[in-house]
């Protein structure tokens, strides 16, 4: 009886064990299947998102290309329109210029002539004026001043002499020193050449310096026949050759000399004292 009872218990235990095993196997099978399905779903969703992003990028690129083409086409249209209007505007300008020339032919010819002036012409104009001073045909400051204005670049001279003192000065002071220095140069020439009788000049040669300046080498023959070498340095200003430095005896620079003379009056970097000194000298130069 006891053996029968034990056998029954063993059978029940085995049945329960098999049922549990079957349940575990079934659960494992279905869980793996679901994981595979989820994985496929996730992969498909990722692929779908990636494809959507690619589609968006492609569409954006297409839109950009369209916009670029449109902007290029618009620009080309505007350029073509401008090109069409250019000949009309140019013809209007040409007609206007023609009318101005017809009304003022003398002013146009004078302008073109001044732009073609040679450096030698500038030196000749100065020398002719100095010969007149020597011959007592010109002895007044106001009559000789226009010759200095025509032949000298006084502003360039002052810029080279004063340096930063010129740059740091306001427009009003620059005008004052321009006027004072122009008068100073003019009166100095008059003072020197009034003492010389029947002065003569000889132009030796002209040469380019660094394709920027021109040097005209000349000889002054005063009444005592002792020749003096005077070399002029000129630069082109608005189509005209103007003197900005004079080399006495062929080597003594007027710019360097004046720089040394004026240095004591420019110690504080201001030009007020120099203006006063020049005005004072100008008042007694021809007395």
C-alpha atoms as a PDB file:
ATOM      1  CA  UNK A   1       0.000   0.000   0.000  1.00  0.00           C
ATOM      2  CA  UNK A   2       2.821   2.298   0.903  1.00  0.00           C
ATOM      3  CA  UNK A   3       4.652   1.400  -2.349  1.00  0.00           C
ATOM      4  CA  UNK A   4       1.575   2.200  -4.380  1.00  0.00           C
ATOM      5  CA  UNK A   5       1.285   5.550  -2.733  1.00  0.00           C
ATOM      6  CA  UNK A   6       4.946   6.375  -3.485  1.00  0.00           C
ATOM      7  CA  UNK A   7       4.598   5.373  -7.136  1.00  0.00           C
ATOM      8  CA  UNK A   8       1.564   7.639  -7.461  1.00  0.00           C
ATOM      9  CA  UNK A   9       3.484  10.567  -6.013  1.00  0.00           C
ATOM     10  CA  UNK A  10       6.368   9.987  -8.449  1.00  0.00           C
ATOM     11  CA  UNK A  11       3.984   9.957 -11.418  1.00  0.00           C
ATOM     12  CA  UNK A  12       2.328  13.180 -10.253  1.00  0.00           C
ATOM     13  CA  UNK A  13       5.759  14.807  -9.770  1.00  0.00           C
ATOM     14  CA  UNK A  14       6.903  13.733 -13.236  1.00  0.00           C
ATOM     15  CA  UNK A  15       3.685  15.031 -14.816  1.00  0.00           C
ATOM     16  CA  UNK A  16       4.093  18.401 -13.072  1.00  0.00           C
ATOM     17  CA  UNK A  17       7.770  18.545 -14.138  1.00  0.00           C
ATOM     18  CA  UNK A  18       6.871  17.858 -17.808  1.00  0.00           C
ATOM     19  CA  UNK A  19       4.103  20.477 -17.723  1.00  0.00           C
ATOM     20  CA  UNK A  20       6.508  23.105 -16.309  1.00  0.00           C
ATOM     21  CA  UNK A  21       9.141  22.190 -18.903  1.00  0.00           C
ATOM     22  CA  UNK A  22       6.589  22.490 -21.726  1.00  0.00           C
ATOM     23  CA  UNK A  23       5.459  25.883 -20.400  1.00  0.00           C
ATOM     24  CA  UNK A  24       9.069  27.145 -20.209  1.00  0.00           C
ATOM     25  CA  UNK A  25       9.817  25.995 -23.749  1.00  0.00           C
ATOM     26  CA  UNK A  26       6.614  27.555 -25.061  1.00  0.00           C
ATOM     27  CA  UNK A  27       7.359  30.882 -23.331  1.00  0.00           C
ATOM     28  CA  UNK A  28      10.926  30.935 -24.660  1.00  0.00           C
ATOM     29  CA  UNK A  29       9.787  30.239 -28.214  1.00  0.00           C
ATOM     30  CA  UNK A  30       7.164  32.988 -28.268  1.00  0.00           C
ATOM     31  CA  UNK A  31       9.416  35.564 -26.573  1.00  0.00           C
ATOM     32  CA  UNK A  32      12.168  35.044 -29.194  1.00  0.00           C
ATOM     33  CA  UNK A  33       9.608  35.338 -31.940  1.00  0.00           C
ATOM     34  CA  UNK A  34       8.342  38.615 -30.497  1.00  0.00           C
ATOM     35  CA  UNK A  35      11.899  39.970 -30.157  1.00  0.00           C
ATOM     36  CA  UNK A  36      12.557  39.203 -33.807  1.00  0.00           C
ATOM     37  CA  UNK A  37       9.353  40.916 -34.775  1.00  0.00           C
ATOM     38  CA  UNK A  38      10.192  43.975 -32.624  1.00  0.00           C
ATOM     39  CA  UNK A  39      13.676  44.056 -34.082  1.00  0.00           C
ATOM     40  CA  UNK A  40      12.283  43.980 -37.594  1.00  0.00           C
ATOM     41  CA  UNK A  41       9.824  46.717 -36.701  1.00  0.00           C
ATOM     42  CA  UNK A  42      12.618  48.872 -35.188  1.00  0.00           C
ATOM     43  CA  UNK A  43      14.881  48.301 -38.183  1.00  0.00           C
ATOM     44  CA  UNK A  44      12.105  49.153 -40.577  1.00  0.00           C
ATOM     45  CA  UNK A  45      11.267  52.339 -38.619  1.00  0.00           C
ATOM     46  CA  UNK A  46      14.936  53.386 -38.572  1.00  0.00           C
ATOM     47  CA  UNK A  47      15.220  52.749 -42.291  1.00  0.00           C
ATOM     48  CA  UNK A  48      12.024  54.664 -42.830  1.00  0.00           C
ATOM     49  CA  UNK A  49      13.298  57.682 -40.847  1.00  0.00           C
ATOM     50  CA  UNK A  50      16.634  57.571 -42.638  1.00  0.00           C
ATOM     51  CA  UNK A  51      14.896  57.442 -46.001  1.00  0.00           C
ATOM     52  CA  UNK A  52      12.686  60.356 -44.984  1.00  0.00           C
ATOM     53  CA  UNK A  53      15.725  62.406 -43.967  1.00  0.00           C
ATOM     54  CA  UNK A  54      17.389  61.612 -47.274  1.00  0.00           C
ATOM     55  CA  UNK A  55      14.246  62.651 -49.113  1.00  0.00           C
ATOM     56  CA  UNK A  56      14.131  65.903 -47.142  1.00  0.00           C
ATOM     57  CA  UNK A  57      17.805  66.616 -47.893  1.00  0.00           C
ATOM     58  CA  UNK A  58      17.264  65.876 -51.569  1.00  0.00           C
ATOM     59  CA  UNK A  59      14.253  68.163 -51.712  1.00  0.00           C
ATOM     60  CA  UNK A  60      16.202  70.928 -49.925  1.00  0.00           C
ATOM     61  CA  UNK A  61      19.078  70.558 -52.391  1.00  0.00           C
ATOM     62  CA  UNK A  62      16.629  70.760 -55.276  1.00  0.00           C
ATOM     63  CA  UNK A  63      15.079  73.905 -53.788  1.00  0.00           C
ATOM     64  CA  UNK A  64      18.517  75.460 -53.273  1.00  0.00           C
ATOM     65  CA  UNK A  65      19.474  74.689 -56.856  1.00  0.00           C
ATOM     66  CA  UNK A  66      16.223  76.212 -58.061  1.00  0.00           C
ATOM     67  CA  UNK A  67      16.798  79.340 -55.944  1.00  0.00           C
ATOM     68  CA  UNK A  68      20.408  79.622 -57.147  1.00  0.00           C
ATOM     69  CA  UNK A  69      19.342  79.254 -60.768  1.00  0.00           C
ATOM     70  CA  UNK A  70      16.642  81.832 -60.195  1.00  0.00           C
ATOM     71  CA  UNK A  71      19.054  84.307 -58.560  1.00  0.00           C
ATOM     72  CA  UNK A  72      21.587  83.795 -61.374  1.00  0.00           C
ATOM     73  CA  UNK A  73      18.926  84.302 -63.980  1.00  0.00           C
ATOM     74  CA  UNK A  74      17.683  87.439 -62.191  1.00  0.00           C
ATOM     75  CA  UNK A  75      21.244  88.793 -61.971  1.00  0.00           C
ATOM     76  CA  UNK A  76      21.927  88.046 -65.607  1.00  0.00           C
ATOM     77  CA  UNK A  77      18.693  89.805 -66.554  1.00  0.00           C
ATOM     78  CA  UNK A  78      19.638  92.876 -64.505  1.00  0.00           C
ATOM     79  CA  UNK A  79      23.152  92.888 -66.015  1.00  0.00           C
ATOM     80  CA  UNK A  80      21.719  92.659 -69.521  1.00  0.00           C
ATOM     81  CA  UNK A  81      19.328  95.514 -68.749  1.00  0.00           C
ATOM     82  CA  UNK A  82      22.250  97.621 -67.444  1.00  0.00           C
ATOM     83  CA  UNK A  83      24.277  96.787 -70.543  1.00  0.00           C
ATOM     84  CA  UNK A  84      21.381  97.934 -72.707  1.00  0.00           C
ATOM     85  CA  UNK A  85      21.145 101.242 -70.851  1.00  0.00           C
ATOM     86  CA  UNK A  86      24.928 101.859 -70.834  1.00  0.00           C
ATOM     87  CA  UNK A  87      25.226 102.873 -74.495  1.00  0.00           C
ATOM     88  CA  UNK A  88      22.317 105.287 -74.049  1.00  0.00           C
ATOM     89  CA  UNK A  89      23.888 106.875 -70.960  1.00  0.00           C
ATOM     90  CA  UNK A  90      27.296 106.971 -72.635  1.00  0.00           C
ATOM     91  CA  UNK A  91      25.859 108.663 -75.692  1.00  0.00           C
ATOM     92  CA  UNK A  92      24.163 111.223 -73.435  1.00  0.00           C
ATOM     93  CA  UNK A  93      27.480 111.921 -71.681  1.00  0.00           C
ATOM     94  CA  UNK A  94      29.281 112.206 -75.008  1.00  0.00           C
ATOM     95  CA  UNK A  95      26.668 114.640 -76.307  1.00  0.00           C
ATOM     96  CA  UNK A  96      26.924 116.695 -73.111  1.00  0.00           C
ATOM     97  CA  UNK A  97      30.719 116.765 -73.335  1.00  0.00           C
ATOM     98  CA  UNK A  98      30.473 117.757 -76.998  1.00  0.00           C
ATOM     99  CA  UNK A  99      28.144 120.655 -76.159  1.00  0.00           C
ATOM    100  CA  UNK A 100      30.498 121.882 -73.420  1.00  0.00           C
ATOM    101  CA  UNK A 101      33.456 121.740 -75.824  1.00  0.00           C
ATOM    102  CA  UNK A 102      31.472 123.632 -78.474  1.00  0.00           C
ATOM    103  CA  UNK A 103      30.531 126.334 -75.984  1.00  0.00           C
ATOM    104  CA  UNK A 104      34.032 126.654 -74.461  1.00  0.00           C
ATOM    105  CA  UNK A 105      36.587 125.503 -77.062  1.00  0.00           C
ATOM    106  CA  UNK A 106      39.344 127.676 -75.598  1.00  0.00           C
ATOM    107  CA  UNK A 107      39.023 126.242 -72.081  1.00  0.00           C
ATOM    108  CA  UNK A 108      39.175 122.696 -73.452  1.00  0.00           C
ATOM    109  CA  UNK A 109      42.274 123.414 -75.502  1.00  0.00           C
ATOM    110  CA  UNK A 110      43.953 125.099 -72.527  1.00  0.00           C
ATOM    111  CA  UNK A 111      43.157 122.098 -70.316  1.00  0.00           C
ATOM    112  CA  UNK A 112      44.548 119.577 -72.806  1.00  0.00           C
ATOM    113  CA  UNK A 113      47.598 121.763 -73.342  1.00  0.00           C
ATOM    114  CA  UNK A 114      48.310 121.988 -69.586  1.00  0.00           C
ATOM    115  CA  UNK A 115      48.110 118.208 -69.233  1.00  0.00           C
ATOM    116  CA  UNK A 116      50.723 117.793 -71.943  1.00  0.00           C
ATOM    117  CA  UNK A 117      53.133 120.319 -70.455  1.00  0.00           C
ATOM    118  CA  UNK A 118      56.688 119.056 -70.216  1.00  0.00           C
ATOM    119  CA  UNK A 119      58.946 119.512 -67.188  1.00  0.00           C
ATOM    120  CA  UNK A 120      61.216 121.671 -69.374  1.00  0.00           C
ATOM    121  CA  UNK A 121      58.293 124.061 -69.998  1.00  0.00           C
ATOM    122  CA  UNK A 122      57.908 124.538 -66.241  1.00  0.00           C
ATOM    123  CA  UNK A 123      61.609 125.334 -65.814  1.00  0.00           C
ATOM    124  CA  UNK A 124      61.552 127.689 -68.796  1.00  0.00           C
ATOM    125  CA  UNK A 125      58.595 129.588 -67.295  1.00  0.00           C
ATOM    126  CA  UNK A 126      60.470 130.029 -64.002  1.00  0.00           C
ATOM    127  CA  UNK A 127      63.700 131.059 -65.741  1.00  0.00           C
ATOM    128  CA  UNK A 128      61.924 133.587 -67.959  1.00  0.00           C
ATOM    129  CA  UNK A 129      60.398 135.164 -64.858  1.00  0.00           C
ATOM    130  CA  UNK A 130      63.764 135.271 -63.071  1.00  0.00           C
ATOM    131  CA  UNK A 131      65.434 136.856 -66.114  1.00  0.00           C
ATOM    132  CA  UNK A 132      62.745 139.575 -66.052  1.00  0.00           C
ATOM    133  CA  UNK A 133      63.490 140.158 -62.363  1.00  0.00           C
ATOM    134  CA  UNK A 134      67.206 140.354 -63.181  1.00  0.00           C
ATOM    135  CA  UNK A 135      66.469 142.844 -65.968  1.00  0.00           C
ATOM    136  CA  UNK A 136      64.258 144.899 -63.601  1.00  0.00           C
ATOM    137  CA  UNK A 137      61.175 144.177 -65.701  1.00  0.00           C
ATOM    138  CA  UNK A 138      59.557 142.548 -62.662  1.00  0.00           C
ATOM    139  CA  UNK A 139      60.412 143.763 -59.196  1.00  0.00           C
ATOM    140  CA  UNK A 140      57.079 143.585 -57.398  1.00  0.00           C
ATOM    141  CA  UNK A 141      56.132 140.661 -55.206  1.00  0.00           C
ATOM    142  CA  UNK A 142      52.542 140.466 -56.516  1.00  0.00           C
ATOM    143  CA  UNK A 143      53.675 140.262 -60.153  1.00  0.00           C
ATOM    144  CA  UNK A 144      56.178 137.476 -59.529  1.00  0.00           C
ATOM    145  CA  UNK A 145      53.862 135.425 -57.273  1.00  0.00           C
ATOM    146  CA  UNK A 146      51.813 133.891 -60.192  1.00  0.00           C
ATOM    147  CA  UNK A 147      55.046 132.449 -61.657  1.00  0.00           C
ATOM    148  CA  UNK A 148      55.805 130.664 -58.367  1.00  0.00           C
ATOM    149  CA  UNK A 149      52.220 129.384 -58.199  1.00  0.00           C
ATOM    150  CA  UNK A 150      52.490 127.988 -61.751  1.00  0.00           C
ATOM    151  CA  UNK A 151      55.881 126.346 -61.354  1.00  0.00           C
ATOM    152  CA  UNK A 152      56.114 125.226 -57.692  1.00  0.00           C
ATOM    153  CA  UNK A 153      54.213 122.623 -55.668  1.00  0.00           C
ATOM    154  CA  UNK A 154      54.402 124.540 -52.386  1.00  0.00           C
ATOM    155  CA  UNK A 155      52.110 122.118 -50.575  1.00  0.00           C
ATOM    156  CA  UNK A 156      54.318 119.120 -51.429  1.00  0.00           C
ATOM    157  CA  UNK A 157      57.370 121.037 -50.236  1.00  0.00           C
ATOM    158  CA  UNK A 158      55.734 121.801 -46.884  1.00  0.00           C
ATOM    159  CA  UNK A 159      54.563 118.213 -46.412  1.00  0.00           C
ATOM    160  CA  UNK A 160      58.150 117.031 -46.924  1.00  0.00           C
ATOM    161  CA  UNK A 161      59.621 119.725 -44.668  1.00  0.00           C
ATOM    162  CA  UNK A 162      57.097 119.536 -41.811  1.00  0.00           C
ATOM    163  CA  UNK A 163      56.211 115.827 -41.829  1.00  0.00           C
ATOM    164  CA  UNK A 164      53.894 114.970 -38.896  1.00  0.00           C
ATOM    165  CA  UNK A 165      53.589 118.632 -37.908  1.00  0.00           C
ATOM    166  CA  UNK A 166      51.725 119.185 -41.191  1.00  0.00           C
ATOM    167  CA  UNK A 167      49.486 116.132 -40.694  1.00  0.00           C
ATOM    168  CA  UNK A 168      48.602 117.144 -37.124  1.00  0.00           C
ATOM    169  CA  UNK A 169      47.628 120.698 -38.121  1.00  0.00           C
ATOM    170  CA  UNK A 170      44.050 121.649 -38.919  1.00  0.00           C
ATOM    171  CA  UNK A 171      42.984 122.997 -42.315  1.00  0.00           C
ATOM    172  CA  UNK A 172      43.014 126.634 -41.202  1.00  0.00           C
ATOM    173  CA  UNK A 173      46.632 126.460 -40.000  1.00  0.00           C
ATOM    174  CA  UNK A 174      47.678 124.573 -43.137  1.00  0.00           C
ATOM    175  CA  UNK A 175      46.235 127.389 -45.254  1.00  0.00           C
ATOM    176  CA  UNK A 176      48.072 129.991 -43.178  1.00  0.00           C
ATOM    177  CA  UNK A 177      51.462 128.315 -43.488  1.00  0.00           C
ATOM    178  CA  UNK A 178      50.898 127.667 -47.219  1.00  0.00           C
ATOM    179  CA  UNK A 179      50.313 131.371 -47.768  1.00  0.00           C
ATOM    180  CA  UNK A 180      53.270 132.390 -45.576  1.00  0.00           C
ATOM    181  CA  UNK A 181      55.715 129.918 -47.157  1.00  0.00           C
ATOM    182  CA  UNK A 182      54.608 130.784 -50.707  1.00  0.00           C
ATOM    183  CA  UNK A 183      55.302 134.449 -49.961  1.00  0.00           C
ATOM    184  CA  UNK A 184      58.640 133.490 -48.372  1.00  0.00           C
ATOM    185  CA  UNK A 185      59.793 131.534 -51.483  1.00  0.00           C
ATOM    186  CA  UNK A 186      58.650 134.323 -53.828  1.00  0.00           C
ATOM    187  CA  UNK A 187      60.378 137.125 -51.917  1.00  0.00           C
ATOM    188  CA  UNK A 188      63.587 135.101 -51.531  1.00  0.00           C
ATOM    189  CA  UNK A 189      63.790 134.685 -55.325  1.00  0.00           C
ATOM    190  CA  UNK A 190      63.168 138.397 -55.837  1.00  0.00           C
ATOM    191  CA  UNK A 191      65.811 139.348 -53.270  1.00  0.00           C
ATOM    192  CA  UNK A 192      68.448 137.113 -54.891  1.00  0.00           C
ATOM    193  CA  UNK A 193      67.815 137.958 -58.553  1.00  0.00           C
ATOM    194  CA  UNK A 194      67.310 141.681 -58.137  1.00  0.00           C
ATOM    195  CA  UNK A 195      71.037 141.754 -57.286  1.00  0.00           C
ATOM    196  CA  UNK A 196      71.995 139.807 -60.445  1.00  0.00           C
ATOM    197  CA  UNK A 197      72.175 141.711 -63.734  1.00  0.00           C
ATOM    198  CA  UNK A 198      71.456 140.100 -67.091  1.00  0.00           C
ATOM    199  CA  UNK A 199      71.150 136.593 -65.673  1.00  0.00           C
ATOM    200  CA  UNK A 200      71.199 133.714 -68.132  1.00  0.00           C
ATOM    201  CA  UNK A 201      70.204 130.074 -67.822  1.00  0.00           C
ATOM    202  CA  UNK A 202      71.235 126.987 -69.712  1.00  0.00           C
ATOM    203  CA  UNK A 203      69.377 123.671 -69.535  1.00  0.00           C
ATOM    204  CA  UNK A 204      71.845 120.792 -69.562  1.00  0.00           C
ATOM    205  CA  UNK A 205      69.666 117.666 -69.480  1.00  0.00           C
ATOM    206  CA  UNK A 206      66.506 116.044 -68.197  1.00  0.00           C
ATOM    207  CA  UNK A 207      66.295 112.579 -66.642  1.00  0.00           C
ATOM    208  CA  UNK A 208      63.681 110.349 -65.010  1.00  0.00           C
ATOM    209  CA  UNK A 209      64.173 109.238 -61.416  1.00  0.00           C
ATOM    210  CA  UNK A 210      62.475 105.945 -60.446  1.00  0.00           C
ATOM    211  CA  UNK A 211      59.716 106.675 -62.997  1.00  0.00           C
ATOM    212  CA  UNK A 212      58.195 109.075 -60.438  1.00  0.00           C
ATOM    213  CA  UNK A 213      60.166 112.287 -60.640  1.00  0.00           C
ATOM    214  CA  UNK A 214      62.077 114.264 -63.228  1.00  0.00           C
ATOM    215  CA  UNK A 215      65.340 116.066 -62.624  1.00  0.00           C
ATOM    216  CA  UNK A 216      66.180 118.991 -64.863  1.00  0.00           C
ATOM    217  CA  UNK A 217      69.847 119.980 -64.632  1.00  0.00           C
ATOM    218  CA  UNK A 218      70.533 123.635 -65.396  1.00  0.00           C
ATOM    219  CA  UNK A 219      73.305 126.208 -65.127  1.00  0.00           C
ATOM    220  CA  UNK A 220      72.860 129.795 -63.954  1.00  0.00           C
ATOM    221  CA  UNK A 221      75.250 132.270 -65.569  1.00  0.00           C
ATOM    222  CA  UNK A 222      75.252 135.496 -63.519  1.00  0.00           C
ATOM    223  CA  UNK A 223      76.839 138.770 -64.580  1.00  0.00           C
ATOM    224  CA  UNK A 224      80.254 137.788 -63.189  1.00  0.00           C
ATOM    225  CA  UNK A 225      80.254 134.689 -65.469  1.00  0.00           C
ATOM    226  CA  UNK A 226      80.824 132.308 -62.541  1.00  0.00           C
ATOM    227  CA  UNK A 227      78.418 129.501 -63.336  1.00  0.00           C
ATOM    228  CA  UNK A 228      76.215 127.936 -60.655  1.00  0.00           C
ATOM    229  CA  UNK A 229      74.707 124.472 -61.032  1.00  0.00           C
ATOM    230  CA  UNK A 230      70.982 124.365 -60.187  1.00  0.00           C
ATOM    231  CA  UNK A 231      69.080 121.093 -60.463  1.00  0.00           C
ATOM    232  CA  UNK A 232      65.291 120.984 -60.155  1.00  0.00           C
ATOM    233  CA  UNK A 233      63.218 118.022 -58.974  1.00  0.00           C
ATOM    234  CA  UNK A 234      59.687 117.924 -60.372  1.00  0.00           C
ATOM    235  CA  UNK A 235      56.633 115.715 -59.831  1.00  0.00           C
ATOM    236  CA  UNK A 236      53.439 115.460 -61.845  1.00  0.00           C
ATOM    237  CA  UNK A 237      50.445 117.130 -60.231  1.00  0.00           C
ATOM    238  CA  UNK A 238      47.130 116.954 -62.110  1.00  0.00           C
ATOM    239  CA  UNK A 239      48.930 116.628 -65.438  1.00  0.00           C
ATOM    240  CA  UNK A 240      51.398 119.441 -64.765  1.00  0.00           C
ATOM    241  CA  UNK A 241      55.050 119.160 -63.764  1.00  0.00           C
ATOM    242  CA  UNK A 242      55.757 121.166 -60.612  1.00  0.00           C
ATOM    243  CA  UNK A 243      59.009 121.853 -58.755  1.00  0.00           C
ATOM    244  CA  UNK A 244      59.167 120.446 -55.222  1.00  0.00           C
ATOM    245  CA  UNK A 245      62.908 120.666 -54.515  1.00  0.00           C
ATOM    246  CA  UNK A 246      65.939 122.574 -55.767  1.00  0.00           C
ATOM    247  CA  UNK A 247      69.509 121.276 -55.517  1.00  0.00           C
ATOM    248  CA  UNK A 248      71.911 124.209 -55.340  1.00  0.00           C
ATOM    249  CA  UNK A 249      75.439 123.505 -56.564  1.00  0.00           C
ATOM    250  CA  UNK A 250      73.981 120.227 -57.803  1.00  0.00           C
ATOM    251  CA  UNK A 251      73.653 118.634 -54.354  1.00  0.00           C
ATOM    252  CA  UNK A 252      72.428 120.995 -51.583  1.00  0.00           C
ATOM    253  CA  UNK A 253      68.724 120.231 -51.154  1.00  0.00           C
ATOM    254  CA  UNK A 254      66.404 123.155 -50.443  1.00  0.00           C
ATOM    255  CA  UNK A 255      64.040 120.764 -48.624  1.00  0.00           C
ATOM    256  CA  UNK A 256      66.829 119.485 -46.352  1.00  0.00           C
ATOM    257  CA  UNK A 257      68.059 123.033 -45.667  1.00  0.00           C
ATOM    258  CA  UNK A 258      64.599 124.303 -44.703  1.00  0.00           C
ATOM    259  CA  UNK A 259      63.973 121.196 -42.591  1.00  0.00           C
ATOM    260  CA  UNK A 260      67.078 122.020 -40.572  1.00  0.00           C
ATOM    261  CA  UNK A 261      66.205 125.747 -40.325  1.00  0.00           C
ATOM    262  CA  UNK A 262      62.620 125.141 -39.151  1.00  0.00           C
ATOM    263  CA  UNK A 263      63.308 122.244 -36.759  1.00  0.00           C
ATOM    264  CA  UNK A 264      63.832 124.498 -33.710  1.00  0.00           C
ATOM    265  CA  UNK A 265      60.383 126.040 -34.271  1.00  0.00           C
ATOM    266  CA  UNK A 266      58.664 122.643 -34.509  1.00  0.00           C
ATOM    267  CA  UNK A 267      59.856 121.018 -31.280  1.00  0.00           C
ATOM    268  CA  UNK A 268      56.347 120.814 -29.807  1.00  0.00           C
ATOM    269  CA  UNK A 269      54.972 119.419 -33.098  1.00  0.00           C
ATOM    270  CA  UNK A 270      52.914 122.559 -33.758  1.00  0.00           C
ATOM    271  CA  UNK A 271      53.368 125.033 -36.613  1.00  0.00           C
ATOM    272  CA  UNK A 272      52.139 128.215 -34.878  1.00  0.00           C
ATOM    273  CA  UNK A 273      55.648 129.482 -34.082  1.00  0.00           C
ATOM    274  CA  UNK A 274      56.814 128.778 -37.639  1.00  0.00           C
ATOM    275  CA  UNK A 275      53.871 130.727 -39.100  1.00  0.00           C
ATOM    276  CA  UNK A 276      54.766 133.702 -36.888  1.00  0.00           C
ATOM    277  CA  UNK A 277      58.457 133.470 -37.830  1.00  0.00           C
ATOM    278  CA  UNK A 278      57.706 133.292 -41.579  1.00  0.00           C
ATOM    279  CA  UNK A 279      55.327 136.257 -41.410  1.00  0.00           C
ATOM    280  CA  UNK A 280      57.991 138.236 -39.554  1.00  0.00           C
ATOM    281  CA  UNK A 281      60.656 137.380 -42.163  1.00  0.00           C
ATOM    282  CA  UNK A 282      58.282 138.209 -45.020  1.00  0.00           C
ATOM    283  CA  UNK A 283      57.682 141.679 -43.586  1.00  0.00           C
ATOM    284  CA  UNK A 284      61.392 142.608 -43.817  1.00  0.00           C
ATOM    285  CA  UNK A 285      62.706 140.514 -46.755  1.00  0.00           C
ATOM    286  CA  UNK A 286      62.398 143.180 -49.452  1.00  0.00           C
ATOM    287  CA  UNK A 287      62.967 146.246 -47.256  1.00  0.00           C
END
